[in-house]
Structures are given as structure tokens and as C-alpha cells.
Amino acid sequence: MATVSPQNPTTASFDFDQEVCALVLDTAPRMFAVVQEYDLETEHADGHVAAWGMAYDDGSAHVIGVGGAVTMSLGSPERAVWHYGRRKGVSARLVWLAPGTGAAFIRAEAA
């Protein structure tokens, strides 16, 4: 399939799948994990991923607990830190995933 731009009368190849993948990368929310940590001041320090989240350009976030029992819509990702770190002896922090560099229609190619 070819398209012709009004500004450029030459015929250019158009790859719709490539355009869709670029759109996905441009509009994707930032991904993060909420990690709960215990006994940080001891040699038995431990932690686990308690939830996964998506942060949007408007500052809001959606968070889902590991296992799916807890879902939250929050004003900011930092609110998840408060929620998951409020028990005595437990702290929480966000770990941001690096923004994606690729998109694919096939699951294995995107991994």
C-alpha cells in the first residue's frame, strides 16, 4: 500500500503495523512495581513485589496487587507507597521499569 502526501507528490511506502506500534509506544503508561521491604536494619532484610502499577501523563495511577485481590485508582503512584508501607515494620517503595523500546503484535516478540 502506498500513500501520497500533498506536500510531497512522490509515492512513499506505508506500513500500518509499524504506525500502530509507534502509536502504542508513544501513548504507553509508565510501569512500576510496588516493593514491600522488611527488616531493613538487620542481616535478614527481605522484600517482595506487592503490586504492579501504571502511571499516566496526568499524574494518576492504577495499581493491582499481586494475585489481583486489590485494585486501586490513585491520584499518584506515590499513594501506593503509602498504602503498602503503612504497617509497622514494613516499608514500601516504587521501582520503575525502563520505558519500552519496542512493540510487537506477537507476545514473544515483545518480551
PDB file of N, CA and C in Angstrom:
ATOM      1  N   MET A   1       0.840  -1.166   0.000  1.00  0.00           N
ATOM      2  CA  MET A   1       0.000   0.000   0.000  1.00  0.00           C
ATOM      3  C   MET A   1       0.890   1.235   0.000  1.00  0.00           C
ATOM      4  N   ALA A   2       0.534   2.254  -0.753  1.00  0.00           N
ATOM      5  CA  ALA A   2       1.324   3.472  -0.830  1.00  0.00           C
ATOM      6  C   ALA A   2       0.427   4.673  -0.572  1.00  0.00           C
ATOM      7  N   THR A   3       1.016   5.718  -0.019  1.00  0.00           N
ATOM      8  CA  THR A   3       0.284   6.960   0.210  1.00  0.00           C
ATOM      9  C   THR A   3       1.028   8.107  -0.459  1.00  0.00           C
ATOM     10  N   VAL A   4       0.297   9.159  -0.770  1.00  0.00           N
ATOM     11  CA  VAL A   4       0.898  10.332  -1.371  1.00  0.00           C
ATOM     12  C   VAL A   4       0.584  11.523  -0.481  1.00  0.00           C
ATOM     13  N   SER A   5       1.624  12.199  -0.016  1.00  0.00           N
ATOM     14  CA  SER A   5       1.469  13.388   0.813  1.00  0.00           C
ATOM     15  C   SER A   5       1.201  14.585  -0.086  1.00  0.00           C
ATOM     16  N   PRO A   6       0.276  15.484   0.289  1.00  0.00           N
ATOM     17  CA  PRO A   6       0.028  16.673  -0.532  1.00  0.00           C
ATOM     18  C   PRO A   6       1.281  17.543  -0.678  1.00  0.00           C
ATOM     19  N   GLN A   7       2.148  17.555   0.336  1.00  0.00           N
ATOM     20  CA  GLN A   7       3.366  18.349   0.273  1.00  0.00           C
ATOM     21  C   GLN A   7       4.451  17.660  -0.554  1.00  0.00           C
ATOM     22  N   ASN A   8       4.395  16.363  -0.634  1.00  0.00           N
ATOM     23  CA  ASN A   8       5.419  15.601  -1.335  1.00  0.00           C
ATOM     24  C   ASN A   8       4.724  14.650  -2.307  1.00  0.00           C
ATOM     25  N   PRO A   9       4.731  14.965  -3.582  1.00  0.00           N
ATOM     26  CA  PRO A   9       3.980  14.149  -4.541  1.00  0.00           C
ATOM     27  C   PRO A   9       4.596  12.786  -4.825  1.00  0.00           C
ATOM     28  N   THR A  10       5.774  12.478  -4.269  1.00  0.00           N
ATOM     29  CA  THR A  10       6.357  11.158  -4.508  1.00  0.00           C
ATOM     30  C   THR A  10       5.619  10.104  -3.701  1.00  0.00           C
ATOM     31  N   THR A  11       5.571   8.923  -4.211  1.00  0.00           N
ATOM     32  CA  THR A  11       4.897   7.817  -3.543  1.00  0.00           C
ATOM     33  C   THR A  11       5.818   7.253  -2.462  1.00  0.00           C
ATOM     34  N   ALA A  12       5.272   7.091  -1.254  1.00  0.00           N
ATOM     35  CA  ALA A  12       6.051   6.539  -0.147  1.00  0.00           C
ATOM     36  C   ALA A  12       5.366   5.286   0.367  1.00  0.00           C
ATOM     37  N   SER A  13       6.167   4.326   0.761  1.00  0.00           N
ATOM     38  CA  SER A  13       5.648   3.091   1.324  1.00  0.00           C
ATOM     39  C   SER A  13       5.036   3.396   2.695  1.00  0.00           C
ATOM     40  N   PHE A  14       3.924   2.765   3.003  1.00  0.00           N
ATOM     41  CA  PHE A  14       3.256   2.987   4.287  1.00  0.00           C
ATOM     42  C   PHE A  14       3.066   1.642   4.963  1.00  0.00           C
ATOM     43  N   ASP A  15       3.583   1.505   6.175  1.00  0.00           N
ATOM     44  CA  ASP A  15       3.466   0.271   6.942  1.00  0.00           C
ATOM     45  C   ASP A  15       2.540   0.543   8.122  1.00  0.00           C
ATOM     46  N   PHE A  16       1.280   0.149   7.996  1.00  0.00           N
ATOM     47  CA  PHE A  16       0.283   0.429   9.028  1.00  0.00           C
ATOM     48  C   PHE A  16       0.658  -0.220  10.354  1.00  0.00           C
ATOM     49  N   ASP A  17       1.145  -1.455  10.316  1.00  0.00           N
ATOM     50  CA  ASP A  17       1.533  -2.127  11.559  1.00  0.00           C
ATOM     51  C   ASP A  17       2.620  -1.344  12.281  1.00  0.00           C
ATOM     52  N   GLN A  18       3.581  -0.814  11.540  1.00  0.00           N
ATOM     53  CA  GLN A  18       4.643  -0.013  12.142  1.00  0.00           C
ATOM     54  C   GLN A  18       4.065   1.255  12.780  1.00  0.00           C
ATOM     55  N   GLU A  19       3.101   1.879  12.120  1.00  0.00           N
ATOM     56  CA  GLU A  19       2.459   3.076  12.667  1.00  0.00           C
ATOM     57  C   GLU A  19       1.697   2.764  13.958  1.00  0.00           C
ATOM     58  N   VAL A  20       1.018   1.628  13.993  1.00  0.00           N
ATOM     59  CA  VAL A  20       0.286   1.227  15.195  1.00  0.00           C
ATOM     60  C   VAL A  20       1.261   0.971  16.342  1.00  0.00           C
ATOM     61  N   CYS A  21       2.355   0.296  16.076  1.00  0.00           N
ATOM     62  CA  CYS A  21       3.354   0.045  17.123  1.00  0.00           C
ATOM     63  C   CYS A  21       3.947   1.353  17.637  1.00  0.00           C
ATOM     64  N   ALA A  22       4.201   2.302  16.754  1.00  0.00           N
ATOM     65  CA  ALA A  22       4.715   3.610  17.175  1.00  0.00           C
ATOM     66  C   ALA A  22       3.692   4.337  18.047  1.00  0.00           C
ATOM     67  N   LEU A  23       2.418   4.235  17.688  1.00  0.00           N
ATOM     68  CA  LEU A  23       1.352   4.845  18.496  1.00  0.00           C
ATOM     69  C   LEU A  23       1.321   4.242  19.893  1.00  0.00           C
ATOM     70  N   VAL A  24       1.453   2.933  19.981  1.00  0.00           N
ATOM     71  CA  VAL A  24       1.458   2.246  21.277  1.00  0.00           C
ATOM     72  C   VAL A  24       2.624   2.734  22.133  1.00  0.00           C
ATOM     73  N   LEU A  25       3.806   2.820  21.559  1.00  0.00           N
ATOM     74  CA  LEU A  25       4.975   3.278  22.314  1.00  0.00           C
ATOM     75  C   LEU A  25       4.828   4.725  22.763  1.00  0.00           C
ATOM     76  N   ASP A  26       4.229   5.563  21.919  1.00  0.00           N
ATOM     77  CA  ASP A  26       4.073   6.988  22.250  1.00  0.00           C
ATOM     78  C   ASP A  26       3.049   7.230  23.353  1.00  0.00           C
ATOM     79  N   THR A  27       2.081   6.351  23.496  1.00  0.00           N
ATOM     80  CA  THR A  27       0.993   6.598  24.446  1.00  0.00           C
ATOM     81  C   THR A  27       1.001   5.655  25.650  1.00  0.00           C
ATOM     82  N   ALA A  28       1.982   4.782  25.731  1.00  0.00           N
ATOM     83  CA  ALA A  28       2.016   3.788  26.813  1.00  0.00           C
ATOM     84  C   ALA A  28       2.241   4.456  28.170  1.00  0.00           C
ATOM     85  N   PRO A  29       1.522   3.995  29.201  1.00  0.00           N
ATOM     86  CA  PRO A  29       1.794   4.489  30.553  1.00  0.00           C
ATOM     87  C   PRO A  29       3.125   3.930  31.050  1.00  0.00           C
ATOM     88  N   ARG A  30       3.710   4.585  32.049  1.00  0.00           N
ATOM     89  CA  ARG A  30       4.941   4.070  32.667  1.00  0.00           C
ATOM     90  C   ARG A  30       4.565   2.961  33.637  1.00  0.00           C
ATOM     91  N   MET A  31       5.322   1.903  33.636  1.00  0.00           N
ATOM     92  CA  MET A  31       5.067   0.751  34.501  1.00  0.00           C
ATOM     93  C   MET A  31       5.972   0.809  35.727  1.00  0.00           C
ATOM     94  N   PHE A  32       5.415   0.374  36.854  1.00  0.00           N
ATOM     95  CA  PHE A  32       6.211   0.319  38.079  1.00  0.00           C
ATOM     96  C   PHE A  32       5.753  -0.834  38.950  1.00  0.00           C
ATOM     97  N   ALA A  33       6.634  -1.228  39.844  1.00  0.00           N
ATOM     98  CA  ALA A  33       6.303  -2.231  40.860  1.00  0.00           C
ATOM     99  C   ALA A  33       6.295  -1.529  42.211  1.00  0.00           C
ATOM    100  N   VAL A  34       5.429  -1.988  43.102  1.00  0.00           N
ATOM    101  CA  VAL A  34       5.450  -1.542  44.494  1.00  0.00           C
ATOM    102  C   VAL A  34       6.095  -2.677  45.277  1.00  0.00           C
ATOM    103  N   VAL A  35       7.245  -2.381  45.876  1.00  0.00           N
ATOM    104  CA  VAL A  35       8.005  -3.390  46.601  1.00  0.00           C
ATOM    105  C   VAL A  35       7.858  -3.142  48.096  1.00  0.00           C
ATOM    106  N   GLN A  36       7.435  -4.162  48.835  1.00  0.00           N
ATOM    107  CA  GLN A  36       7.392  -4.092  50.292  1.00  0.00           C
ATOM    108  C   GLN A  36       8.686  -4.676  50.833  1.00  0.00           C
ATOM    109  N   GLU A  37       9.249  -3.985  51.835  1.00  0.00           N
ATOM    110  CA  GLU A  37      10.527  -4.407  52.414  1.00  0.00           C
ATOM    111  C   GLU A  37      10.384  -4.548  53.926  1.00  0.00           C
ATOM    112  N   TYR A  38      11.110  -5.524  54.486  1.00  0.00           N
ATOM    113  CA  TYR A  38      11.047  -5.851  55.908  1.00  0.00           C
ATOM    114  C   TYR A  38      12.461  -5.941  56.484  1.00  0.00           C
ATOM    115  N   ASP A  39      12.593  -5.668  57.747  1.00  0.00           N
ATOM    116  CA  ASP A  39      13.850  -5.878  58.479  1.00  0.00           C
ATOM    117  C   ASP A  39      15.056  -5.256  57.782  1.00  0.00           C
ATOM    118  N   LEU A  40      14.898  -4.044  57.298  1.00  0.00           N
ATOM    119  CA  LEU A  40      15.969  -3.403  56.531  1.00  0.00           C
ATOM    120  C   LEU A  40      17.215  -3.133  57.359  1.00  0.00           C
ATOM    121  N   GLU A  41      17.062  -2.989  58.652  1.00  0.00           N
ATOM    122  CA  GLU A  41      18.198  -2.670  59.520  1.00  0.00           C
ATOM    123  C   GLU A  41      18.909  -3.914  60.039  1.00  0.00           C
ATOM    124  N   THR A  42      18.528  -5.072  59.524  1.00  0.00           N
ATOM    125  CA  THR A  42      19.123  -6.322  60.012  1.00  0.00           C
ATOM    126  C   THR A  42      19.744  -7.091  58.854  1.00  0.00           C
ATOM    127  N   GLU A  43      20.431  -8.152  59.209  1.00  0.00           N
ATOM    128  CA  GLU A  43      21.007  -9.016  58.173  1.00  0.00           C
ATOM    129  C   GLU A  43      19.942  -9.882  57.505  1.00  0.00           C
ATOM    130  N   HIS A  44      18.706  -9.822  58.006  1.00  0.00           N
ATOM    131  CA  HIS A  44      17.602 -10.616  57.462  1.00  0.00           C
ATOM    132  C   HIS A  44      16.684  -9.781  56.583  1.00  0.00           C
ATOM    133  N   ALA A  45      17.202  -8.680  56.046  1.00  0.00           N
ATOM    134  CA  ALA A  45      16.388  -7.815  55.180  1.00  0.00           C
ATOM    135  C   ALA A  45      15.763  -8.645  54.060  1.00  0.00           C
ATOM    136  N   ASP A  46      14.514  -8.320  53.765  1.00  0.00           N
ATOM    137  CA  ASP A  46      13.787  -9.087  52.754  1.00  0.00           C
ATOM    138  C   ASP A  46      12.774  -8.165  52.090  1.00  0.00           C
ATOM    139  N   GLY A  47      12.267  -8.592  50.963  1.00  0.00           N
ATOM    140  CA  GLY A  47      11.246  -7.819  50.272  1.00  0.00           C
ATOM    141  C   GLY A  47      10.579  -8.655  49.200  1.00  0.00           C
ATOM    142  N   HIS A  48       9.469  -8.124  48.710  1.00  0.00           N
ATOM    143  CA  HIS A  48       8.764  -8.792  47.619  1.00  0.00           C
ATOM    144  C   HIS A  48       7.953  -7.765  46.839  1.00  0.00           C
ATOM    145  N   VAL A  49       7.615  -8.107  45.621  1.00  0.00           N
ATOM    146  CA  VAL A  49       6.741  -7.259  44.814  1.00  0.00           C
ATOM    147  C   VAL A  49       5.319  -7.480  45.309  1.00  0.00           C
ATOM    148  N   ALA A  50       4.718  -6.408  45.807  1.00  0.00           N
ATOM    149  CA  ALA A  50       3.364  -6.491  46.340  1.00  0.00           C
ATOM    150  C   ALA A  50       2.311  -6.104  45.313  1.00  0.00           C
ATOM    151  N   ALA A  51       2.703  -5.257  44.349  1.00  0.00           N
ATOM    152  CA  ALA A  51       1.734  -4.774  43.364  1.00  0.00           C
ATOM    153  C   ALA A  51       2.453  -4.274  42.121  1.00  0.00           C
ATOM    154  N   TRP A  52       1.684  -4.159  41.044  1.00  0.00           N
ATOM    155  CA  TRP A  52       2.154  -3.580  39.792  1.00  0.00           C
ATOM    156  C   TRP A  52       1.275  -2.386  39.471  1.00  0.00           C
ATOM    157  N   GLY A  53       1.862  -1.387  38.833  1.00  0.00           N
ATOM    158  CA  GLY A  53       1.082  -0.203  38.517  1.00  0.00           C
ATOM    159  C   GLY A  53       1.429   0.406  37.179  1.00  0.00           C
ATOM    160  N   MET A  54       0.510   1.268  36.736  1.00  0.00           N
ATOM    161  CA  MET A  54       0.697   2.057  35.526  1.00  0.00           C
ATOM    162  C   MET A  54       0.483   3.520  35.888  1.00  0.00           C
ATOM    163  N   ALA A  55       1.430   4.368  35.512  1.00  0.00           N
ATOM    164  CA  ALA A  55       1.333   5.806  35.770  1.00  0.00           C
ATOM    165  C   ALA A  55       1.056   6.514  34.448  1.00  0.00           C
ATOM    166  N   TYR A  56       0.121   7.451  34.497  1.00  0.00           N
ATOM    167  CA  TYR A  56      -0.305   8.156  33.292  1.00  0.00           C
ATOM    168  C   TYR A  56       0.237   9.579  33.261  1.00  0.00           C
ATOM    169  N   ASP A  57       0.191  10.187  32.088  1.00  0.00           N
ATOM    170  CA  ASP A  57       0.702  11.546  31.896  1.00  0.00           C
ATOM    171  C   ASP A  57       0.039  12.576  32.808  1.00  0.00           C
ATOM    172  N   ASP A  58      -1.198  12.351  33.201  1.00  0.00           N
ATOM    173  CA  ASP A  58      -1.886  13.318  34.067  1.00  0.00           C
ATOM    174  C   ASP A  58      -1.508  13.164  35.541  1.00  0.00           C
ATOM    175  N   GLY A  59      -0.602  12.233  35.846  1.00  0.00           N
ATOM    176  CA  GLY A  59      -0.139  12.021  37.212  1.00  0.00           C
ATOM    177  C   GLY A  59      -0.864  10.917  37.952  1.00  0.00           C
ATOM    178  N   SER A  60      -1.985  10.455  37.441  1.00  0.00           N
ATOM    179  CA  SER A  60      -2.751   9.406  38.116  1.00  0.00           C
ATOM    180  C   SER A  60      -2.111   8.041  37.874  1.00  0.00           C
ATOM    181  N   ALA A  61      -2.593   7.051  38.625  1.00  0.00           N
ATOM    182  CA  ALA A  61      -2.055   5.702  38.504  1.00  0.00           C
ATOM    183  C   ALA A  61      -3.134   4.670  38.790  1.00  0.00           C
ATOM    184  N   HIS A  62      -2.971   3.518  38.191  1.00  0.00           N
ATOM    185  CA  HIS A  62      -3.774   2.340  38.504  1.00  0.00           C
ATOM    186  C   HIS A  62      -2.820   1.292  39.046  1.00  0.00           C
ATOM    187  N   VAL A  63      -3.224   0.648  40.129  1.00  0.00           N
ATOM    188  CA  VAL A  63      -2.383  -0.338  40.796  1.00  0.00           C
ATOM    189  C   VAL A  63      -3.203  -1.598  41.019  1.00  0.00           C
ATOM    190  N   ILE A  64      -2.575  -2.741  40.797  1.00  0.00           N
ATOM    191  CA  ILE A  64      -3.221  -4.022  41.091  1.00  0.00           C
ATOM    192  C   ILE A  64      -2.253  -4.863  41.906  1.00  0.00           C
ATOM    193  N   GLY A  65      -2.748  -5.351  43.032  1.00  0.00           N
ATOM    194  CA  GLY A  65      -1.927  -6.187  43.897  1.00  0.00           C
ATOM    195  C   GLY A  65      -1.616  -7.516  43.237  1.00  0.00           C
ATOM    196  N   VAL A  66      -0.465  -8.070  43.574  1.00  0.00           N
ATOM    197  CA  VAL A  66      -0.112  -9.386  43.066  1.00  0.00           C
ATOM    198  C   VAL A  66      -1.201 -10.349  43.519  1.00  0.00           C
ATOM    199  N   GLY A  67      -1.729 -11.106  42.618  1.00  0.00           N
ATOM    200  CA  GLY A  67      -2.845 -12.001  42.923  1.00  0.00           C
ATOM    201  C   GLY A  67      -4.184 -11.411  42.521  1.00  0.00           C
ATOM    202  N   GLY A  68      -4.222 -10.087  42.291  1.00  0.00           N
ATOM    203  CA  GLY A  68      -5.424  -9.452  41.776  1.00  0.00           C
ATOM    204  C   GLY A  68      -6.503  -9.099  42.777  1.00  0.00           C
ATOM    205  N   ALA A  69      -6.292  -9.353  44.069  1.00  0.00           N
ATOM    206  CA  ALA A  69      -7.338  -9.091  45.056  1.00  0.00           C
ATOM    207  C   ALA A  69      -7.521  -7.597  45.335  1.00  0.00           C
ATOM    208  N   VAL A  70      -6.469  -6.797  45.157  1.00  0.00           N
ATOM    209  CA  VAL A  70      -6.534  -5.361  45.438  1.00  0.00           C
ATOM    210  C   VAL A  70      -6.331  -4.605  44.134  1.00  0.00           C
ATOM    211  N   THR A  71      -7.253  -3.706  43.830  1.00  0.00           N
ATOM    212  CA  THR A  71      -7.083  -2.789  42.703  1.00  0.00           C
ATOM    213  C   THR A  71      -7.367  -1.380  43.201  1.00  0.00           C
ATOM    214  N   MET A  72      -6.573  -0.431  42.715  1.00  0.00           N
ATOM    215  CA  MET A  72      -6.732   0.949  43.165  1.00  0.00           C
ATOM    216  C   MET A  72      -6.562   1.911  41.996  1.00  0.00           C
ATOM    217  N   SER A  73      -7.343   2.968  42.000  1.00  0.00           N
ATOM    218  CA  SER A  73      -7.139   4.120  41.125  1.00  0.00           C
ATOM    219  C   SER A  73      -6.696   5.235  42.051  1.00  0.00           C
ATOM    220  N   LEU A  74      -5.499   5.767  41.800  1.00  0.00           N
ATOM    221  CA  LEU A  74      -4.892   6.723  42.725  1.00  0.00           C
ATOM    222  C   LEU A  74      -4.526   8.020  42.014  1.00  0.00           C
ATOM    223  N   GLY A  75      -4.397   9.075  42.798  1.00  0.00           N
ATOM    224  CA  GLY A  75      -4.008  10.369  42.254  1.00  0.00           C
ATOM    225  C   GLY A  75      -2.557  10.416  41.832  1.00  0.00           C
ATOM    226  N   SER A  76      -1.744   9.524  42.380  1.00  0.00           N
ATOM    227  CA  SER A  76      -0.322   9.458  42.016  1.00  0.00           C
ATOM    228  C   SER A  76       0.215   8.083  42.398  1.00  0.00           C
ATOM    229  N   PRO A  77       1.303   7.661  41.770  1.00  0.00           N
ATOM    230  CA  PRO A  77       1.917   6.384  42.141  1.00  0.00           C
ATOM    231  C   PRO A  77       2.383   6.374  43.599  1.00  0.00           C
ATOM    232  N   GLU A  78       2.820   7.527  44.101  1.00  0.00           N
ATOM    233  CA  GLU A  78       3.319   7.603  45.473  1.00  0.00           C
ATOM    234  C   GLU A  78       2.255   7.245  46.513  1.00  0.00           C
ATOM    235  N   ARG A  79       0.995   7.391  46.183  1.00  0.00           N
ATOM    236  CA  ARG A  79      -0.077   6.980  47.102  1.00  0.00           C
ATOM    237  C   ARG A  79      -0.039   5.473  47.339  1.00  0.00           C
ATOM    238  N   ALA A  80       0.433   4.698  46.350  1.00  0.00           N
ATOM    239  CA  ALA A  80       0.567   3.245  46.537  1.00  0.00           C
ATOM    240  C   ALA A  80       1.645   2.946  47.564  1.00  0.00           C
ATOM    241  N   VAL A  81       2.698   3.763  47.600  1.00  0.00           N
ATOM    242  CA  VAL A  81       3.753   3.590  48.600  1.00  0.00           C
ATOM    243  C   VAL A  81       3.159   3.756  49.992  1.00  0.00           C
ATOM    244  N   TRP A  82       2.339   4.761  50.169  1.00  0.00           N
ATOM    245  CA  TRP A  82       1.688   4.970  51.471  1.00  0.00           C
ATOM    246  C   TRP A  82       0.828   3.752  51.817  1.00  0.00           C
ATOM    247  N   HIS A  83       0.016   3.300  50.884  1.00  0.00           N
ATOM    248  CA  HIS A  83      -0.902   2.190  51.148  1.00  0.00           C
ATOM    249  C   HIS A  83      -0.150   0.913  51.531  1.00  0.00           C
ATOM    250  N   TYR A  84       0.888   0.577  50.791  1.00  0.00           N
ATOM    251  CA  TYR A  84       1.603  -0.675  51.023  1.00  0.00           C
ATOM    252  C   TYR A  84       2.671  -0.574  52.104  1.00  0.00           C
ATOM    253  N   GLY A  85       2.988   0.626  52.566  1.00  0.00           N
ATOM    254  CA  GLY A  85       4.019   0.774  53.578  1.00  0.00           C
ATOM    255  C   GLY A  85       3.522   1.244  54.925  1.00  0.00           C
ATOM    256  N   ARG A  86       2.241   1.155  55.177  1.00  0.00           N
ATOM    257  CA  ARG A  86       1.690   1.718  56.421  1.00  0.00           C
ATOM    258  C   ARG A  86       1.684   0.761  57.612  1.00  0.00           C
ATOM    259  N   ARG A  87       1.960  -0.508  57.395  1.00  0.00           N
ATOM    260  CA  ARG A  87       2.025  -1.445  58.531  1.00  0.00           C
ATOM    261  C   ARG A  87       3.339  -1.278  59.275  1.00  0.00           C
ATOM    262  N   LYS A  88       3.299  -1.495  60.567  1.00  0.00           N
ATOM    263  CA  LYS A  88       4.500  -1.385  61.387  1.00  0.00           C
ATOM    264  C   LYS A  88       5.558  -2.383  60.917  1.00  0.00           C
ATOM    265  N   GLY A  89       6.780  -1.902  60.750  1.00  0.00           N
ATOM    266  CA  GLY A  89       7.883  -2.756  60.347  1.00  0.00           C
ATOM    267  C   GLY A  89       7.965  -3.015  58.849  1.00  0.00           C
ATOM    268  N   VAL A  90       7.073  -2.399  58.082  1.00  0.00           N
ATOM    269  CA  VAL A  90       7.047  -2.597  56.635  1.00  0.00           C
ATOM    270  C   VAL A  90       7.254  -1.247  55.966  1.00  0.00           C
ATOM    271  N   SER A  91       8.146  -1.202  55.006  1.00  0.00           N
ATOM    272  CA  SER A  91       8.278  -0.004  54.184  1.00  0.00           C
ATOM    273  C   SER A  91       8.000  -0.406  52.740  1.00  0.00           C
ATOM    274  N   ALA A  92       7.704   0.576  51.933  1.00  0.00           N
ATOM    275  CA  ALA A  92       7.415   0.301  50.525  1.00  0.00           C
ATOM    276  C   ALA A  92       8.086   1.361  49.673  1.00  0.00           C
ATOM    277  N   ARG A  93       8.395   0.986  48.459  1.00  0.00           N
ATOM    278  CA  ARG A  93       8.920   1.955  47.506  1.00  0.00           C
ATOM    279  C   ARG A  93       8.569   1.524  46.090  1.00  0.00           C
ATOM    280  N   LEU A  94       8.673   2.478  45.179  1.00  0.00           N
ATOM    281  CA  LEU A  94       8.392   2.218  43.775  1.00  0.00           C
ATOM    282  C   LEU A  94       9.684   1.831  43.066  1.00  0.00           C
ATOM    283  N   VAL A  95       9.574   0.878  42.176  1.00  0.00           N
ATOM    284  CA  VAL A  95      10.672   0.522  41.282  1.00  0.00           C
ATOM    285  C   VAL A  95      10.117   0.669  39.868  1.00  0.00           C
ATOM    286  N   TRP A  96      10.677   1.626  39.123  1.00  0.00           N
ATOM    287  CA  TRP A  96      10.197   1.941  37.781  1.00  0.00           C
ATOM    288  C   TRP A  96      10.852   1.041  36.753  1.00  0.00           C
ATOM    289  N   LEU A  97      10.065   0.520  35.847  1.00  0.00           N
ATOM    290  CA  LEU A  97      10.601  -0.248  34.730  1.00  0.00           C
ATOM    291  C   LEU A  97      11.066   0.736  33.665  1.00  0.00           C
ATOM    292  N   ALA A  98      12.136   0.402  32.975  1.00  0.00           N
ATOM    293  CA  ALA A  98      12.629   1.251  31.897  1.00  0.00           C
ATOM    294  C   ALA A  98      11.567   1.306  30.804  1.00  0.00           C
ATOM    295  N   PRO A  99      11.362   2.487  30.233  1.00  0.00           N
ATOM    296  CA  PRO A  99      10.364   2.592  29.154  1.00  0.00           C
ATOM    297  C   PRO A  99      10.693   1.620  28.029  1.00  0.00           C
ATOM    298  N   GLY A 100       9.647   1.059  27.457  1.00  0.00           N
ATOM    299  CA  GLY A 100       9.819   0.080  26.387  1.00  0.00           C
ATOM    300  C   GLY A 100      10.470   0.669  25.152  1.00  0.00           C
ATOM    301  N   THR A 101      11.222  -0.145  24.479  1.00  0.00           N
ATOM    302  CA  THR A 101      11.878   0.290  23.261  1.00  0.00           C
ATOM    303  C   THR A 101      11.302  -0.397  22.039  1.00  0.00           C
ATOM    304  N   GLY A 102      10.311  -1.231  22.254  1.00  0.00           N
ATOM    305  CA  GLY A 102       9.732  -1.929  21.116  1.00  0.00           C
ATOM    306  C   GLY A 102       8.306  -2.337  21.395  1.00  0.00           C
ATOM    307  N   ALA A 103       7.596  -2.595  20.332  1.00  0.00           N
ATOM    308  CA  ALA A 103       6.223  -3.090  20.424  1.00  0.00           C
ATOM    309  C   ALA A 103       6.049  -4.128  19.324  1.00  0.00           C
ATOM    310  N   ALA A 104       5.224  -5.124  19.574  1.00  0.00           N
ATOM    311  CA  ALA A 104       5.005  -6.183  18.607  1.00  0.00           C
ATOM    312  C   ALA A 104       3.594  -6.733  18.754  1.00  0.00           C
ATOM    313  N   PHE A 105       3.093  -7.327  17.714  1.00  0.00           N
ATOM    314  CA  PHE A 105       1.779  -7.949  17.749  1.00  0.00           C
ATOM    315  C   PHE A 105       1.845  -9.367  18.305  1.00  0.00           C
ATOM    316  N   ILE A 106       3.032  -9.954  18.314  1.00  0.00           N
ATOM    317  CA  ILE A 106       3.219 -11.316  18.803  1.00  0.00           C
ATOM    318  C   ILE A 106       3.840 -11.244  20.187  1.00  0.00           C
ATOM    319  N   ARG A 107       3.235 -11.906  21.149  1.00  0.00           N
ATOM    320  CA  ARG A 107       3.674 -11.829  22.550  1.00  0.00           C
ATOM    321  C   ARG A 107       5.163 -12.100  22.727  1.00  0.00           C
ATOM    322  N   ALA A 108       5.681 -13.124  22.116  1.00  0.00           N
ATOM    323  CA  ALA A 108       7.087 -13.496  22.290  1.00  0.00           C
ATOM    324  C   ALA A 108       8.023 -12.416  21.749  1.00  0.00           C
ATOM    325  N   GLU A 109       7.644 -11.696  20.709  1.00  0.00           N
ATOM    326  CA  GLU A 109       8.492 -10.667  20.147  1.00  0.00           C
ATOM    327  C   GLU A 109       8.586  -9.447  21.045  1.00  0.00           C
ATOM    328  N   ALA A 110       7.561  -9.190  21.842  1.00  0.00           N
ATOM    329  CA  ALA A 110       7.531  -8.017  22.703  1.00  0.00           C
ATOM    330  C   ALA A 110       8.328  -8.235  23.985  1.00  0.00           C
ATOM    331  N   ALA A 111       8.570  -9.465  24.351  1.00  0.00           N
ATOM    332  CA  ALA A 111       9.256  -9.765  25.612  1.00  0.00           C
ATOM    333  C   ALA A 111      10.730  -9.474  25.566  1.00  0.00           C
TER     334      ALA A 111
END
